[in-house]
Structures are given as C-alpha cells and as structure tokens.
C-alpha cells in the first residue's frame, strides 16, 4: 500500500515524463538564493505578485548586486 505522499510523487514523475521539453535540476538552496527569497516572500503577498515597487530590500540587493 502506498502513502499519499508516494502517490503524489509518482503522479509528478509521470507528468514530468510526459513533458519531453521539461528538465528538472537540483540546485542547492544556498546557490539559488534569489529564488529562495522570492518563494519565501511571495507567500506574504495576497496576490502572490512581487514587483520592484513592493519587493523586500534583501531581494533587490541580491538581484542588483549579486546576479
């Protein structure tokens, strides 16, 4: 018997296999800091939209000075 998590993982794997032009790569969180910051802060915005006018300072710092 499979757990619900295992079934979800299996469904995701099947979906990815059906999309030949999609590739998934593991990137360490420390390497992809901007994506991590965007993911964390996007949860606090009601419309899940972040733009330059409402972006947190840390996000702009990473974007402008470290990318």
PDB file of N, CA and C in Angstrom:
ATOM      1  N   UNK A   1       0.838  -1.181   0.000  1.00  0.00           N
ATOM      2  CA  UNK A   1       0.000   0.000   0.000  1.00  0.00           C
ATOM      3  C   UNK A   1       0.886   1.249   0.000  1.00  0.00           C
ATOM      4  N   UNK A   2       0.579   2.194  -0.877  1.00  0.00           N
ATOM      5  CA  UNK A   2       1.354   3.416  -0.999  1.00  0.00           C
ATOM      6  C   UNK A   2       0.806   4.499  -0.081  1.00  0.00           C
ATOM      7  N   UNK A   3       1.702   5.342   0.403  1.00  0.00           N
ATOM      8  CA  UNK A   3       1.248   6.508   1.165  1.00  0.00           C
ATOM      9  C   UNK A   3       0.738   7.563   0.178  1.00  0.00           C
ATOM     10  N   UNK A   4       0.013   8.517   0.676  1.00  0.00           N
ATOM     11  CA  UNK A   4      -0.488   9.592  -0.183  1.00  0.00           C
ATOM     12  C   UNK A   4       0.685  10.360  -0.784  1.00  0.00           C
ATOM     13  N   UNK A   5       1.724  10.576   0.004  1.00  0.00           N
ATOM     14  CA  UNK A   5       2.905  11.280  -0.497  1.00  0.00           C
ATOM     15  C   UNK A   5       3.536  10.522  -1.664  1.00  0.00           C
ATOM     16  N   UNK A   6       3.661   9.219  -1.536  1.00  0.00           N
ATOM     17  CA  UNK A   6       4.250   8.399  -2.604  1.00  0.00           C
ATOM     18  C   UNK A   6       3.413   8.471  -3.873  1.00  0.00           C
ATOM     19  N   UNK A   7       2.106   8.503  -3.718  1.00  0.00           N
ATOM     20  CA  UNK A   7       1.225   8.594  -4.884  1.00  0.00           C
ATOM     21  C   UNK A   7       1.389   9.954  -5.570  1.00  0.00           C
ATOM     22  N   UNK A   8       1.519  11.008  -4.787  1.00  0.00           N
ATOM     23  CA  UNK A   8       1.732  12.346  -5.358  1.00  0.00           C
ATOM     24  C   UNK A   8       3.059  12.401  -6.090  1.00  0.00           C
ATOM     25  N   UNK A   9       4.104  11.855  -5.497  1.00  0.00           N
ATOM     26  CA  UNK A   9       5.418  11.822  -6.145  1.00  0.00           C
ATOM     27  C   UNK A   9       5.341  11.039  -7.452  1.00  0.00           C
ATOM     28  N   UNK A  10       4.672   9.915  -7.427  1.00  0.00           N
ATOM     29  CA  UNK A  10       4.520   9.097  -8.628  1.00  0.00           C
ATOM     30  C   UNK A  10       3.751   9.861  -9.713  1.00  0.00           C
ATOM     31  N   UNK A  11       2.706  10.571  -9.339  1.00  0.00           N
ATOM     32  CA  UNK A  11       1.955  11.387 -10.300  1.00  0.00           C
ATOM     33  C   UNK A  11       2.830  12.481 -10.896  1.00  0.00           C
ATOM     34  N   UNK A  12       3.644  13.115 -10.067  1.00  0.00           N
ATOM     35  CA  UNK A  12       4.555  14.165 -10.555  1.00  0.00           C
ATOM     36  C   UNK A  12       5.579  13.588 -11.520  1.00  0.00           C
ATOM     37  N   UNK A  13       6.119  12.440 -11.190  1.00  0.00           N
ATOM     38  CA  UNK A  13       7.091  11.786 -12.075  1.00  0.00           C
ATOM     39  C   UNK A  13       6.443  11.445 -13.415  1.00  0.00           C
ATOM     40  N   UNK A  14       5.234  10.922 -13.387  1.00  0.00           N
ATOM     41  CA  UNK A  14       4.523  10.584 -14.627  1.00  0.00           C
ATOM     42  C   UNK A  14       4.271  11.829 -15.464  1.00  0.00           C
ATOM     43  N   UNK A  15       3.868  12.903 -14.799  1.00  0.00           N
ATOM     44  CA  UNK A  15       3.629  14.156 -15.511  1.00  0.00           C
ATOM     45  C   UNK A  15       4.906  14.667 -16.162  1.00  0.00           C
ATOM     46  N   UNK A  16       6.000  14.657 -15.429  1.00  0.00           N
ATOM     47  CA  UNK A  16       7.269  15.132 -15.982  1.00  0.00           C
ATOM     48  C   UNK A  16       7.726  14.271 -17.156  1.00  0.00           C
ATOM     49  N   UNK A  17       7.511  12.973 -17.082  1.00  0.00           N
ATOM     50  CA  UNK A  17       7.888  12.089 -18.185  1.00  0.00           C
ATOM     51  C   UNK A  17       7.064  12.374 -19.434  1.00  0.00           C
ATOM     52  N   UNK A  18       5.873  12.897 -19.255  1.00  0.00           N
ATOM     53  CA  UNK A  18       5.018  13.196 -20.409  1.00  0.00           C
ATOM     54  C   UNK A  18       5.353  14.550 -21.039  1.00  0.00           C
ATOM     55  N   UNK A  19       6.253  15.286 -20.441  1.00  0.00           N
ATOM     56  CA  UNK A  19       6.657  16.603 -20.957  1.00  0.00           C
ATOM     57  C   UNK A  19       8.114  16.533 -21.417  1.00  0.00           C
ATOM     58  N   UNK A  20       8.338  16.177 -22.678  1.00  0.00           N
ATOM     59  CA  UNK A  20       9.712  15.928 -23.142  1.00  0.00           C
ATOM     60  C   UNK A  20      10.628  17.154 -23.131  1.00  0.00           C
ATOM     61  N   UNK A  21      10.065  18.343 -23.170  1.00  0.00           N
ATOM     62  CA  UNK A  21      10.888  19.551 -23.209  1.00  0.00           C
ATOM     63  C   UNK A  21      11.140  20.153 -21.835  1.00  0.00           C
ATOM     64  N   UNK A  22      10.769  19.446 -20.785  1.00  0.00           N
ATOM     65  CA  UNK A  22      10.946  19.939 -19.427  1.00  0.00           C
ATOM     66  C   UNK A  22      12.054  19.151 -18.746  1.00  0.00           C
ATOM     67  N   UNK A  23      12.964  19.881 -18.131  1.00  0.00           N
ATOM     68  CA  UNK A  23      14.043  19.241 -17.381  1.00  0.00           C
ATOM     69  C   UNK A  23      14.016  19.781 -15.959  1.00  0.00           C
ATOM     70  N   UNK A  24      14.281  18.913 -15.016  1.00  0.00           N
ATOM     71  CA  UNK A  24      14.334  19.306 -13.616  1.00  0.00           C
ATOM     72  C   UNK A  24      15.747  19.065 -13.121  1.00  0.00           C
ATOM     73  N   UNK A  25      16.310  20.099 -12.506  1.00  0.00           N
ATOM     74  CA  UNK A  25      17.663  20.001 -11.975  1.00  0.00           C
ATOM     75  C   UNK A  25      17.643  20.388 -10.502  1.00  0.00           C
ATOM     76  N   UNK A  26      18.429  19.704  -9.717  1.00  0.00           N
ATOM     77  CA  UNK A  26      18.580  20.059  -8.317  1.00  0.00           C
ATOM     78  C   UNK A  26      19.584  21.200  -8.203  1.00  0.00           C
ATOM     79  N   UNK A  27      19.202  22.232  -7.494  1.00  0.00           N
ATOM     80  CA  UNK A  27      20.095  23.352  -7.220  1.00  0.00           C
ATOM     81  C   UNK A  27      20.034  23.605  -5.722  1.00  0.00           C
ATOM     82  N   UNK A  28      21.195  23.602  -5.085  1.00  0.00           N
ATOM     83  CA  UNK A  28      21.233  23.836  -3.646  1.00  0.00           C
ATOM     84  C   UNK A  28      20.631  25.197  -3.327  1.00  0.00           C
ATOM     85  N   UNK A  29      19.902  25.257  -2.244  1.00  0.00           N
ATOM     86  CA  UNK A  29      19.246  26.489  -1.832  1.00  0.00           C
ATOM     87  C   UNK A  29      20.246  27.631  -1.672  1.00  0.00           C
ATOM     88  N   UNK A  30      21.406  27.325  -1.139  1.00  0.00           N
ATOM     89  CA  UNK A  30      22.409  28.364  -0.941  1.00  0.00           C
ATOM     90  C   UNK A  30      22.927  28.908  -2.266  1.00  0.00           C
ATOM     91  N   UNK A  31      22.845  28.109  -3.299  1.00  0.00           N
ATOM     92  CA  UNK A  31      23.298  28.532  -4.620  1.00  0.00           C
ATOM     93  C   UNK A  31      22.250  29.394  -5.294  1.00  0.00           C
ATOM     94  N   UNK A  32      21.010  29.127  -5.037  1.00  0.00           N
ATOM     95  CA  UNK A  32      19.927  29.828  -5.701  1.00  0.00           C
ATOM     96  C   UNK A  32      19.183  30.704  -4.699  1.00  0.00           C
ATOM     97  N   UNK A  33      19.888  31.623  -4.103  1.00  0.00           N
ATOM     98  CA  UNK A  33      19.359  32.429  -3.003  1.00  0.00           C
ATOM     99  C   UNK A  33      18.199  33.323  -3.434  1.00  0.00           C
ATOM    100  N   UNK A  34      18.271  33.897  -4.628  1.00  0.00           N
ATOM    101  CA  UNK A  34      17.202  34.787  -5.071  1.00  0.00           C
ATOM    102  C   UNK A  34      15.888  34.031  -5.205  1.00  0.00           C
ATOM    103  N   UNK A  35      15.915  32.848  -5.785  1.00  0.00           N
ATOM    104  CA  UNK A  35      14.690  32.050  -5.920  1.00  0.00           C
ATOM    105  C   UNK A  35      14.129  31.707  -4.544  1.00  0.00           C
ATOM    106  N   UNK A  36      14.994  31.414  -3.603  1.00  0.00           N
ATOM    107  CA  UNK A  36      14.546  31.103  -2.244  1.00  0.00           C
ATOM    108  C   UNK A  36      13.874  32.310  -1.606  1.00  0.00           C
ATOM    109  N   UNK A  37      14.474  33.479  -1.747  1.00  0.00           N
ATOM    110  CA  UNK A  37      13.901  34.694  -1.169  1.00  0.00           C
ATOM    111  C   UNK A  37      12.550  34.998  -1.820  1.00  0.00           C
ATOM    112  N   UNK A  38      12.464  34.852  -3.131  1.00  0.00           N
ATOM    113  CA  UNK A  38      11.198  35.101  -3.832  1.00  0.00           C
ATOM    114  C   UNK A  38      10.120  34.138  -3.325  1.00  0.00           C
ATOM    115  N   UNK A  39      10.470  32.870  -3.206  1.00  0.00           N
ATOM    116  CA  UNK A  39       9.496  31.877  -2.748  1.00  0.00           C
ATOM    117  C   UNK A  39       9.005  32.183  -1.343  1.00  0.00           C
ATOM    118  N   UNK A  40       9.914  32.549  -0.453  1.00  0.00           N
ATOM    119  CA  UNK A  40       9.519  32.836   0.928  1.00  0.00           C
ATOM    120  C   UNK A  40       8.647  34.085   1.019  1.00  0.00           C
ATOM    121  N   UNK A  41       9.048  35.154   0.326  1.00  0.00           N
ATOM    122  CA  UNK A  41       8.312  36.406   0.436  1.00  0.00           C
ATOM    123  C   UNK A  41       7.013  36.405  -0.349  1.00  0.00           C
ATOM    124  N   UNK A  42       6.904  35.613  -1.401  1.00  0.00           N
ATOM    125  CA  UNK A  42       5.680  35.622  -2.204  1.00  0.00           C
ATOM    126  C   UNK A  42       4.487  35.127  -1.401  1.00  0.00           C
ATOM    127  N   UNK A  43       4.733  34.305  -0.390  1.00  0.00           N
ATOM    128  CA  UNK A  43       3.636  33.825   0.448  1.00  0.00           C
ATOM    129  C   UNK A  43       2.994  34.943   1.261  1.00  0.00           C
ATOM    130  N   UNK A  44       3.744  36.011   1.519  1.00  0.00           N
ATOM    131  CA  UNK A  44       3.205  37.090   2.347  1.00  0.00           C
ATOM    132  C   UNK A  44       2.455  38.148   1.534  1.00  0.00           C
ATOM    133  N   UNK A  45       2.459  38.037   0.216  1.00  0.00           N
ATOM    134  CA  UNK A  45       1.727  38.977  -0.626  1.00  0.00           C
ATOM    135  C   UNK A  45       0.407  38.336  -1.033  1.00  0.00           C
ATOM    136  N   UNK A  46      -0.692  39.052  -0.818  1.00  0.00           N
ATOM    137  CA  UNK A  46      -2.015  38.463  -1.027  1.00  0.00           C
ATOM    138  C   UNK A  46      -2.241  38.004  -2.458  1.00  0.00           C
ATOM    139  N   UNK A  47      -1.715  38.731  -3.433  1.00  0.00           N
ATOM    140  CA  UNK A  47      -1.933  38.316  -4.815  1.00  0.00           C
ATOM    141  C   UNK A  47      -0.755  37.509  -5.368  1.00  0.00           C
ATOM    142  N   UNK A  48       0.205  37.175  -4.502  1.00  0.00           N
ATOM    143  CA  UNK A  48       1.376  36.372  -4.867  1.00  0.00           C
ATOM    144  C   UNK A  48       2.174  36.996  -6.015  1.00  0.00           C
ATOM    145  N   UNK A  49       2.142  38.320  -6.078  1.00  0.00           N
ATOM    146  CA  UNK A  49       2.890  39.036  -7.108  1.00  0.00           C
ATOM    147  C   UNK A  49       3.919  39.928  -6.434  1.00  0.00           C
ATOM    148  N   UNK A  50       5.142  39.825  -6.896  1.00  0.00           N
ATOM    149  CA  UNK A  50       6.207  40.676  -6.377  1.00  0.00           C
ATOM    150  C   UNK A  50       6.778  41.450  -7.558  1.00  0.00           C
ATOM    151  N   UNK A  51       6.832  42.749  -7.414  1.00  0.00           N
ATOM    152  CA  UNK A  51       7.455  43.574  -8.454  1.00  0.00           C
ATOM    153  C   UNK A  51       8.426  44.535  -7.768  1.00  0.00           C
ATOM    154  N   UNK A  52       9.104  45.308  -8.542  1.00  0.00           N
ATOM    155  CA  UNK A  52      10.148  46.180  -7.993  1.00  0.00           C
ATOM    156  C   UNK A  52       9.604  47.147  -6.945  1.00  0.00           C
ATOM    157  N   UNK A  53       8.376  47.563  -7.085  1.00  0.00           N
ATOM    158  CA  UNK A  53       7.820  48.547  -6.152  1.00  0.00           C
ATOM    159  C   UNK A  53       7.453  47.969  -4.795  1.00  0.00           C
ATOM    160  N   UNK A  54       7.222  46.650  -4.708  1.00  0.00           N
ATOM    161  CA  UNK A  54       6.875  46.073  -3.408  1.00  0.00           C
ATOM    162  C   UNK A  54       7.850  44.993  -2.950  1.00  0.00           C
ATOM    163  N   UNK A  55       8.948  44.848  -3.657  1.00  0.00           N
ATOM    164  CA  UNK A  55       9.931  43.817  -3.313  1.00  0.00           C
ATOM    165  C   UNK A  55      10.700  44.195  -2.045  1.00  0.00           C
ATOM    166  N   UNK A  56      10.954  43.222  -1.187  1.00  0.00           N
ATOM    167  CA  UNK A  56      11.763  43.477   0.010  1.00  0.00           C
ATOM    168  C   UNK A  56      13.188  43.892  -0.377  1.00  0.00           C
ATOM    169  N   UNK A  57      13.814  44.679   0.461  1.00  0.00           N
ATOM    170  CA  UNK A  57      15.153  45.193   0.188  1.00  0.00           C
ATOM    171  C   UNK A  57      16.159  44.070  -0.055  1.00  0.00           C
ATOM    172  N   UNK A  58      16.061  42.969   0.696  1.00  0.00           N
ATOM    173  CA  UNK A  58      17.018  41.876   0.519  1.00  0.00           C
ATOM    174  C   UNK A  58      16.924  41.286  -0.884  1.00  0.00           C
ATOM    175  N   UNK A  59      15.713  41.242  -1.436  1.00  0.00           N
ATOM    176  CA  UNK A  59      15.525  40.706  -2.771  1.00  0.00           C
ATOM    177  C   UNK A  59      16.162  41.622  -3.813  1.00  0.00           C
ATOM    178  N   UNK A  60      15.950  42.915  -3.664  1.00  0.00           N
ATOM    179  CA  UNK A  60      16.540  43.863  -4.604  1.00  0.00           C
ATOM    180  C   UNK A  60      18.059  43.855  -4.503  1.00  0.00           C
ATOM    181  N   UNK A  61      18.571  43.707  -3.283  1.00  0.00           N
ATOM    182  CA  UNK A  61      20.018  43.640  -3.083  1.00  0.00           C
ATOM    183  C   UNK A  61      20.616  42.454  -3.837  1.00  0.00           C
ATOM    184  N   UNK A  62      20.009  41.307  -3.705  1.00  0.00           N
ATOM    185  CA  UNK A  62      20.504  40.112  -4.395  1.00  0.00           C
ATOM    186  C   UNK A  62      20.399  40.309  -5.900  1.00  0.00           C
ATOM    187  N   UNK A  63      19.292  40.834  -6.356  1.00  0.00           N
ATOM    188  CA  UNK A  63      19.059  40.990  -7.787  1.00  0.00           C
ATOM    189  C   UNK A  63      20.022  41.991  -8.417  1.00  0.00           C
ATOM    190  N   UNK A  64      20.199  43.133  -7.776  1.00  0.00           N
ATOM    191  CA  UNK A  64      21.020  44.176  -8.362  1.00  0.00           C
ATOM    192  C   UNK A  64      22.516  43.997  -8.162  1.00  0.00           C
ATOM    193  N   UNK A  65      22.920  43.399  -7.051  1.00  0.00           N
ATOM    194  CA  UNK A  65      24.336  43.377  -6.728  1.00  0.00           C
ATOM    195  C   UNK A  65      24.985  42.001  -6.771  1.00  0.00           C
ATOM    196  N   UNK A  66      24.195  40.927  -6.783  1.00  0.00           N
ATOM    197  CA  UNK A  66      24.807  39.602  -6.723  1.00  0.00           C
ATOM    198  C   UNK A  66      24.464  38.740  -7.914  1.00  0.00           C
ATOM    199  N   UNK A  67      23.662  39.244  -8.831  1.00  0.00           N
ATOM    200  CA  UNK A  67      23.316  38.457 -10.017  1.00  0.00           C
ATOM    201  C   UNK A  67      24.107  38.944 -11.210  1.00  0.00           C
TER     202      UNK A  67
END
